[in-house]
Amino acid sequence: MYVIVEIAGQQFKAEKGRKLYVHRLQGDEGSSVSFDQVLLTDSDGQVKVGTPVVEGASVKAKILKHLKDDKVLVFKKKRRKGYQKMNGHRQFLSQILIEDIIA
């Protein structure tokens, strides 16, 4: 069984026992969170599509740790002008473990 759930503005495929990296969530490491924005459920081939969400469905997860993603380098250059600019960015992430799917 799997569901498509919206977490922090992005859609993820969630299955029980799967670990996901999502944008930083409010809460401490080890705390439980619940997501109610379930867009689709699939249980052994029986697909339920929400309009826009599936009624009564939710996903329970546990925050494992907060971390930062790999650095993304942004490099700008204008040729023959002597202009170069380098910038880096590291996104804040949370690793969550899907504990239970209620559909």
C-alpha atoms as a PDB file:
ATOM      1  CA  MET A   1       0.000   0.000   0.000  1.00  0.00           C
ATOM      2  CA  TYR A   2       1.202   3.485  -0.811  1.00  0.00           C
ATOM      3  CA  VAL A   3      -0.143   7.028  -0.806  1.00  0.00           C
ATOM      4  CA  ILE A   4       0.734  10.310  -2.463  1.00  0.00           C
ATOM      5  CA  VAL A   5       0.925  12.924   0.290  1.00  0.00           C
ATOM      6  CA  GLU A   6       1.649  16.644   0.240  1.00  0.00           C
ATOM      7  CA  ILE A   7       4.318  17.647   2.768  1.00  0.00           C
ATOM      8  CA  ALA A   8       5.543  21.253   3.003  1.00  0.00           C
ATOM      9  CA  GLY A   9       4.288  22.100  -0.489  1.00  0.00           C
ATOM     10  CA  GLN A  10       5.792  19.071  -2.248  1.00  0.00           C
ATOM     11  CA  GLN A  11       4.250  15.719  -3.172  1.00  0.00           C
ATOM     12  CA  PHE A  12       5.856  12.463  -2.028  1.00  0.00           C
ATOM     13  CA  LYS A  13       5.117   8.771  -2.479  1.00  0.00           C
ATOM     14  CA  ALA A  14       4.884   7.347   1.040  1.00  0.00           C
ATOM     15  CA  GLU A  15       4.966   3.704   2.067  1.00  0.00           C
ATOM     16  CA  LYS A  16       5.107   2.270   5.570  1.00  0.00           C
ATOM     17  CA  GLY A  17       8.716   2.000   6.782  1.00  0.00           C
ATOM     18  CA  ARG A  18      10.130   4.328   4.109  1.00  0.00           C
ATOM     19  CA  LYS A  19      12.452   7.223   4.946  1.00  0.00           C
ATOM     20  CA  LEU A  20      11.945  10.580   3.209  1.00  0.00           C
ATOM     21  CA  TYR A  21      13.881  13.826   3.078  1.00  0.00           C
ATOM     22  CA  VAL A  22      11.520  16.815   3.201  1.00  0.00           C
ATOM     23  CA  HIS A  23      11.908  20.550   3.730  1.00  0.00           C
ATOM     24  CA  ARG A  24      12.636  21.410   7.375  1.00  0.00           C
ATOM     25  CA  LEU A  25       9.650  20.657   9.619  1.00  0.00           C
ATOM     26  CA  GLN A  26       8.731  22.274  12.913  1.00  0.00           C
ATOM     27  CA  GLY A  27       9.346  19.869  15.782  1.00  0.00           C
ATOM     28  CA  ASP A  28      12.147  18.169  17.649  1.00  0.00           C
ATOM     29  CA  GLU A  29      13.993  15.038  16.630  1.00  0.00           C
ATOM     30  CA  GLY A  30      12.044  11.990  17.759  1.00  0.00           C
ATOM     31  CA  SER A  31       8.668  13.762  17.760  1.00  0.00           C
ATOM     32  CA  SER A  32       5.678  12.520  15.771  1.00  0.00           C
ATOM     33  CA  VAL A  33       3.933  14.468  13.033  1.00  0.00           C
ATOM     34  CA  SER A  34       0.753  13.821  11.059  1.00  0.00           C
ATOM     35  CA  PHE A  35      -0.067  14.798   7.472  1.00  0.00           C
ATOM     36  CA  ASP A  36      -3.687  15.078   6.332  1.00  0.00           C
ATOM     37  CA  GLN A  37      -3.136  16.216   2.725  1.00  0.00           C
ATOM     38  CA  VAL A  38      -3.401  12.732   1.161  1.00  0.00           C
ATOM     39  CA  LEU A  39      -4.016  13.119  -2.578  1.00  0.00           C
ATOM     40  CA  LEU A  40      -4.147   9.453  -3.678  1.00  0.00           C
ATOM     41  CA  THR A  41      -4.264   6.022  -2.048  1.00  0.00           C
ATOM     42  CA  ASP A  42      -3.426   2.657  -3.628  1.00  0.00           C
ATOM     43  CA  SER A  43      -4.258  -0.528  -1.744  1.00  0.00           C
ATOM     44  CA  ASP A  44      -3.508  -3.653  -3.774  1.00  0.00           C
ATOM     45  CA  GLY A  45      -4.627  -2.105  -7.065  1.00  0.00           C
ATOM     46  CA  GLN A  46      -7.647  -0.254  -5.657  1.00  0.00           C
ATOM     47  CA  VAL A  47      -6.866   3.382  -6.373  1.00  0.00           C
ATOM     48  CA  LYS A  48      -8.714   6.237  -4.666  1.00  0.00           C
ATOM     49  CA  VAL A  49      -8.090   9.729  -6.019  1.00  0.00           C
ATOM     50  CA  GLY A  50      -9.055  12.673  -3.839  1.00  0.00           C
ATOM     51  CA  THR A  51     -10.917  15.783  -4.928  1.00  0.00           C
ATOM     52  CA  PRO A  52      -8.558  17.400  -3.907  1.00  0.00           C
ATOM     53  CA  VAL A  53      -7.829  15.197  -0.843  1.00  0.00           C
ATOM     54  CA  VAL A  54      -8.993  11.736   0.216  1.00  0.00           C
ATOM     55  CA  GLU A  55     -11.449  12.050   3.114  1.00  0.00           C
ATOM     56  CA  GLY A  56     -10.362  10.398   6.379  1.00  0.00           C
ATOM     57  CA  ALA A  57      -6.874   9.514   5.162  1.00  0.00           C
ATOM     58  CA  SER A  58      -3.723  10.584   6.985  1.00  0.00           C
ATOM     59  CA  VAL A  59      -0.075   9.657   7.359  1.00  0.00           C
ATOM     60  CA  LYS A  60       1.759   9.427  10.676  1.00  0.00           C
ATOM     61  CA  ALA A  61       5.522   9.936  10.666  1.00  0.00           C
ATOM     62  CA  LYS A  62       8.423  10.406  13.068  1.00  0.00           C
ATOM     63  CA  ILE A  63      11.161  13.019  12.653  1.00  0.00           C
ATOM     64  CA  LEU A  64      14.478  11.158  12.718  1.00  0.00           C
ATOM     65  CA  LYS A  65      16.887  14.091  12.343  1.00  0.00           C
ATOM     66  CA  HIS A  66      17.389  17.590  11.006  1.00  0.00           C
ATOM     67  CA  LEU A  67      20.235  18.082   8.530  1.00  0.00           C
ATOM     68  CA  LYS A  68      21.489  20.177   5.627  1.00  0.00           C
ATOM     69  CA  ASP A  69      21.527  19.073   1.988  1.00  0.00           C
ATOM     70  CA  ASP A  70      24.615  19.045  -0.247  1.00  0.00           C
ATOM     71  CA  LYS A  71      25.886  22.416  -1.395  1.00  0.00           C
ATOM     72  CA  VAL A  72      24.538  23.747  -4.673  1.00  0.00           C
ATOM     73  CA  LEU A  73      26.880  26.190  -6.415  1.00  0.00           C
ATOM     74  CA  VAL A  74      25.488  29.107  -8.403  1.00  0.00           C
ATOM     75  CA  PHE A  75      28.028  30.650 -10.775  1.00  0.00           C
ATOM     76  CA  LYS A  76      27.356  33.744 -12.874  1.00  0.00           C
ATOM     77  CA  LYS A  77      29.727  35.155 -15.478  1.00  0.00           C
ATOM     78  CA  LYS A  78      29.601  37.753 -18.227  1.00  0.00           C
ATOM     79  CA  ARG A  79      32.221  37.046 -20.819  1.00  0.00           C
ATOM     80  CA  ARG A  80      34.792  39.687 -21.707  1.00  0.00           C
ATOM     81  CA  LYS A  81      33.526  41.968 -18.916  1.00  0.00           C
ATOM     82  CA  GLY A  82      35.554  40.683 -15.970  1.00  0.00           C
ATOM     83  CA  TYR A  83      32.367  39.872 -14.018  1.00  0.00           C
ATOM     84  CA  GLN A  84      32.247  36.635 -12.050  1.00  0.00           C
ATOM     85  CA  LYS A  85      30.061  35.791  -9.084  1.00  0.00           C
ATOM     86  CA  MET A  86      30.001  32.536  -7.122  1.00  0.00           C
ATOM     87  CA  ASN A  87      27.312  31.752  -4.590  1.00  0.00           C
ATOM     88  CA  GLY A  88      26.476  28.612  -2.632  1.00  0.00           C
ATOM     89  CA  HIS A  89      23.326  27.320  -0.954  1.00  0.00           C
ATOM     90  CA  ARG A  90      22.559  24.450   1.417  1.00  0.00           C
ATOM     91  CA  GLN A  91      18.890  23.596   1.959  1.00  0.00           C
ATOM     92  CA  PHE A  92      17.676  22.691   5.460  1.00  0.00           C
ATOM     93  CA  LEU A  93      16.024  19.248   5.471  1.00  0.00           C
ATOM     94  CA  SER A  94      14.319  16.859   7.860  1.00  0.00           C
ATOM     95  CA  GLN A  95      14.546  13.084   7.573  1.00  0.00           C
ATOM     96  CA  ILE A  96      11.244  11.417   8.466  1.00  0.00           C
ATOM     97  CA  LEU A  97      10.177   7.786   8.832  1.00  0.00           C
ATOM     98  CA  ILE A  98       6.661   6.844   7.711  1.00  0.00           C
ATOM     99  CA  GLU A  99       5.210   4.869  10.630  1.00  0.00           C
ATOM    100  CA  ASP A 100       1.555   4.395   9.725  1.00  0.00           C
ATOM    101  CA  ILE A 101      -0.895   5.055   6.890  1.00  0.00           C
ATOM    102  CA  ILE A 102      -4.563   5.484   7.775  1.00  0.00           C
ATOM    103  CA  ALA A 103      -6.739   5.237   4.663  1.00  0.00           C
END
